Amino acid sequence: MDLGLQEVAQAKERLDLATFVAERNGVVLFVGAEKGNRVMEGSRLIVVGSDSDWR
């Protein structure tokens, strides 16, 4: 198998096993990447905020 395809398969497996943790319950306010975008380490991907003030 091509080395590039192996790396993609490994990255997909790591993502499937990943756990995303937020500091609190809430709603997603911002998504910083779209499918196909390259993301660098430390990039803000998801912002979660409280919906308690939305009344």
N, C-alpha and C. Protein backbone atom coordinates (compact mmCIF):
# COMPACT_ATOMS: atom_id res chain seq x y z
N MET A 1 0.86 -1.18 0.00
CA MET A 1 0.00 0.00 0.00
C MET A 1 0.90 1.24 0.00
N ASP A 2 0.49 2.24 -0.69
CA ASP A 2 1.22 3.50 -0.76
C ASP A 2 1.34 4.13 0.63
N LEU A 3 2.51 4.69 0.92
CA LEU A 3 2.75 5.30 2.24
C LEU A 3 1.73 6.39 2.56
N GLY A 4 1.38 7.20 1.58
CA GLY A 4 0.39 8.26 1.80
C GLY A 4 -0.96 7.71 2.20
N LEU A 5 -1.38 6.63 1.56
CA LEU A 5 -2.67 6.01 1.90
C LEU A 5 -2.64 5.41 3.30
N GLN A 6 -1.49 4.84 3.68
CA GLN A 6 -1.36 4.31 5.04
C GLN A 6 -1.48 5.43 6.08
N GLU A 7 -0.86 6.57 5.81
CA GLU A 7 -0.93 7.69 6.76
C GLU A 7 -2.35 8.22 6.87
N VAL A 8 -3.06 8.28 5.76
CA VAL A 8 -4.45 8.73 5.80
C VAL A 8 -5.29 7.75 6.62
N ALA A 9 -5.10 6.47 6.41
CA ALA A 9 -5.85 5.46 7.17
C ALA A 9 -5.56 5.57 8.66
N GLN A 10 -4.30 5.80 9.01
CA GLN A 10 -3.95 5.94 10.43
C GLN A 10 -4.57 7.20 11.03
N ALA A 11 -4.56 8.28 10.28
CA ALA A 11 -5.16 9.53 10.78
C ALA A 11 -6.66 9.36 11.00
N LYS A 12 -7.34 8.69 10.07
CA LYS A 12 -8.77 8.44 10.23
C LYS A 12 -9.05 7.59 11.46
N GLU A 13 -8.21 6.58 11.68
CA GLU A 13 -8.39 5.72 12.85
C GLU A 13 -8.20 6.51 14.14
N ARG A 14 -7.18 7.38 14.20
CA ARG A 14 -6.95 8.20 15.40
C ARG A 14 -8.12 9.14 15.64
N LEU A 15 -8.68 9.70 14.58
CA LEU A 15 -9.82 10.60 14.73
C LEU A 15 -11.04 9.84 15.23
N ASP A 16 -11.25 8.64 14.73
CA ASP A 16 -12.38 7.83 15.20
C ASP A 16 -12.26 7.51 16.68
N LEU A 17 -11.04 7.40 17.19
CA LEU A 17 -10.81 7.07 18.59
C LEU A 17 -10.74 8.31 19.49
N ALA A 18 -10.74 9.49 18.89
CA ALA A 18 -10.56 10.73 19.65
C ALA A 18 -11.79 11.05 20.50
N THR A 19 -11.54 11.70 21.61
CA THR A 19 -12.60 12.19 22.48
C THR A 19 -12.49 13.71 22.54
N PHE A 20 -13.58 14.38 22.27
CA PHE A 20 -13.60 15.83 22.33
C PHE A 20 -14.29 16.24 23.62
N VAL A 21 -13.64 17.10 24.38
CA VAL A 21 -14.14 17.49 25.69
C VAL A 21 -14.32 19.00 25.74
N ALA A 22 -15.48 19.44 26.23
CA ALA A 22 -15.75 20.86 26.40
C ALA A 22 -15.74 21.18 27.90
N GLU A 23 -15.42 22.42 28.22
CA GLU A 23 -15.39 22.85 29.62
C GLU A 23 -16.76 22.88 30.26
N ARG A 24 -17.79 23.01 29.44
CA ARG A 24 -19.15 23.09 29.98
C ARG A 24 -20.14 22.64 28.91
N ASN A 25 -21.39 22.43 29.34
CA ASN A 25 -22.44 22.10 28.39
C ASN A 25 -22.81 23.36 27.62
N GLY A 26 -23.29 23.19 26.42
CA GLY A 26 -23.68 24.35 25.64
C GLY A 26 -23.94 23.99 24.19
N VAL A 27 -23.83 24.98 23.36
CA VAL A 27 -24.05 24.81 21.93
C VAL A 27 -22.78 25.21 21.18
N VAL A 28 -22.61 24.65 19.99
CA VAL A 28 -21.46 25.00 19.17
C VAL A 28 -21.72 26.37 18.54
N LEU A 29 -20.82 27.32 18.81
CA LEU A 29 -20.95 28.67 18.27
C LEU A 29 -20.09 28.90 17.04
N PHE A 30 -19.01 28.13 16.92
CA PHE A 30 -18.05 28.37 15.85
C PHE A 30 -17.39 27.06 15.46
N VAL A 31 -17.26 26.83 14.18
CA VAL A 31 -16.49 25.69 13.66
C VAL A 31 -15.41 26.27 12.77
N GLY A 32 -14.15 26.01 13.10
CA GLY A 32 -13.03 26.67 12.44
C GLY A 32 -12.43 25.95 11.27
N ALA A 33 -12.98 24.84 10.86
CA ALA A 33 -12.43 24.13 9.70
C ALA A 33 -13.57 23.43 8.97
N GLU A 34 -13.34 23.21 7.71
CA GLU A 34 -14.31 22.49 6.89
C GLU A 34 -13.65 21.24 6.35
N LYS A 35 -14.45 20.31 5.89
CA LYS A 35 -13.93 19.07 5.33
C LYS A 35 -12.92 19.40 4.23
N GLY A 36 -11.77 18.77 4.33
CA GLY A 36 -10.73 18.99 3.33
C GLY A 36 -9.71 20.04 3.70
N ASN A 37 -9.99 20.86 4.72
CA ASN A 37 -9.03 21.88 5.17
C ASN A 37 -7.92 21.23 5.97
N ARG A 38 -6.72 21.72 5.80
CA ARG A 38 -5.60 21.28 6.62
C ARG A 38 -5.64 22.08 7.92
N VAL A 39 -5.47 21.40 9.03
CA VAL A 39 -5.53 22.03 10.34
C VAL A 39 -4.20 21.84 11.05
N MET A 40 -3.66 22.92 11.56
CA MET A 40 -2.39 22.86 12.27
C MET A 40 -2.64 22.64 13.76
N GLU A 41 -1.68 22.05 14.44
CA GLU A 41 -1.78 21.82 15.87
C GLU A 41 -2.01 23.15 16.59
N GLY A 42 -2.91 23.15 17.54
CA GLY A 42 -3.21 24.36 18.31
C GLY A 42 -4.30 25.23 17.69
N SER A 43 -4.78 24.85 16.51
CA SER A 43 -5.84 25.63 15.86
C SER A 43 -7.15 25.49 16.63
N ARG A 44 -7.89 26.56 16.71
CA ARG A 44 -9.21 26.52 17.35
C ARG A 44 -10.18 25.92 16.34
N LEU A 45 -10.78 24.79 16.70
CA LEU A 45 -11.69 24.11 15.79
C LEU A 45 -13.15 24.31 16.15
N ILE A 46 -13.45 24.25 17.43
CA ILE A 46 -14.84 24.34 17.88
C ILE A 46 -14.91 25.27 19.08
N VAL A 47 -15.88 26.18 19.07
CA VAL A 47 -16.13 27.04 20.23
C VAL A 47 -17.52 26.68 20.75
N VAL A 48 -17.57 26.36 22.04
CA VAL A 48 -18.84 26.00 22.68
C VAL A 48 -19.22 27.12 23.63
N GLY A 49 -20.48 27.55 23.59
CA GLY A 49 -20.95 28.61 24.47
C GLY A 49 -22.26 28.21 25.14
N SER A 50 -22.61 28.96 26.13
CA SER A 50 -23.84 28.70 26.88
C SER A 50 -25.03 29.31 26.14
N ASP A 51 -26.13 28.57 26.16
CA ASP A 51 -27.37 29.09 25.56
C ASP A 51 -28.35 29.56 26.63
N SER A 52 -27.90 29.68 27.88
CA SER A 52 -28.80 30.05 28.98
C SER A 52 -29.30 31.49 28.87
N ASP A 53 -28.57 32.36 28.17
CA ASP A 53 -28.98 33.77 28.03
C ASP A 53 -29.86 34.02 26.81
N TRP A 54 -30.19 33.00 26.06
CA TRP A 54 -30.96 33.16 24.82
C TRP A 54 -32.45 33.00 25.10
N ARG A 55 -33.05 33.92 25.77
CA ARG A 55 -34.48 33.83 26.07
C ARG A 55 -35.18 35.09 25.63
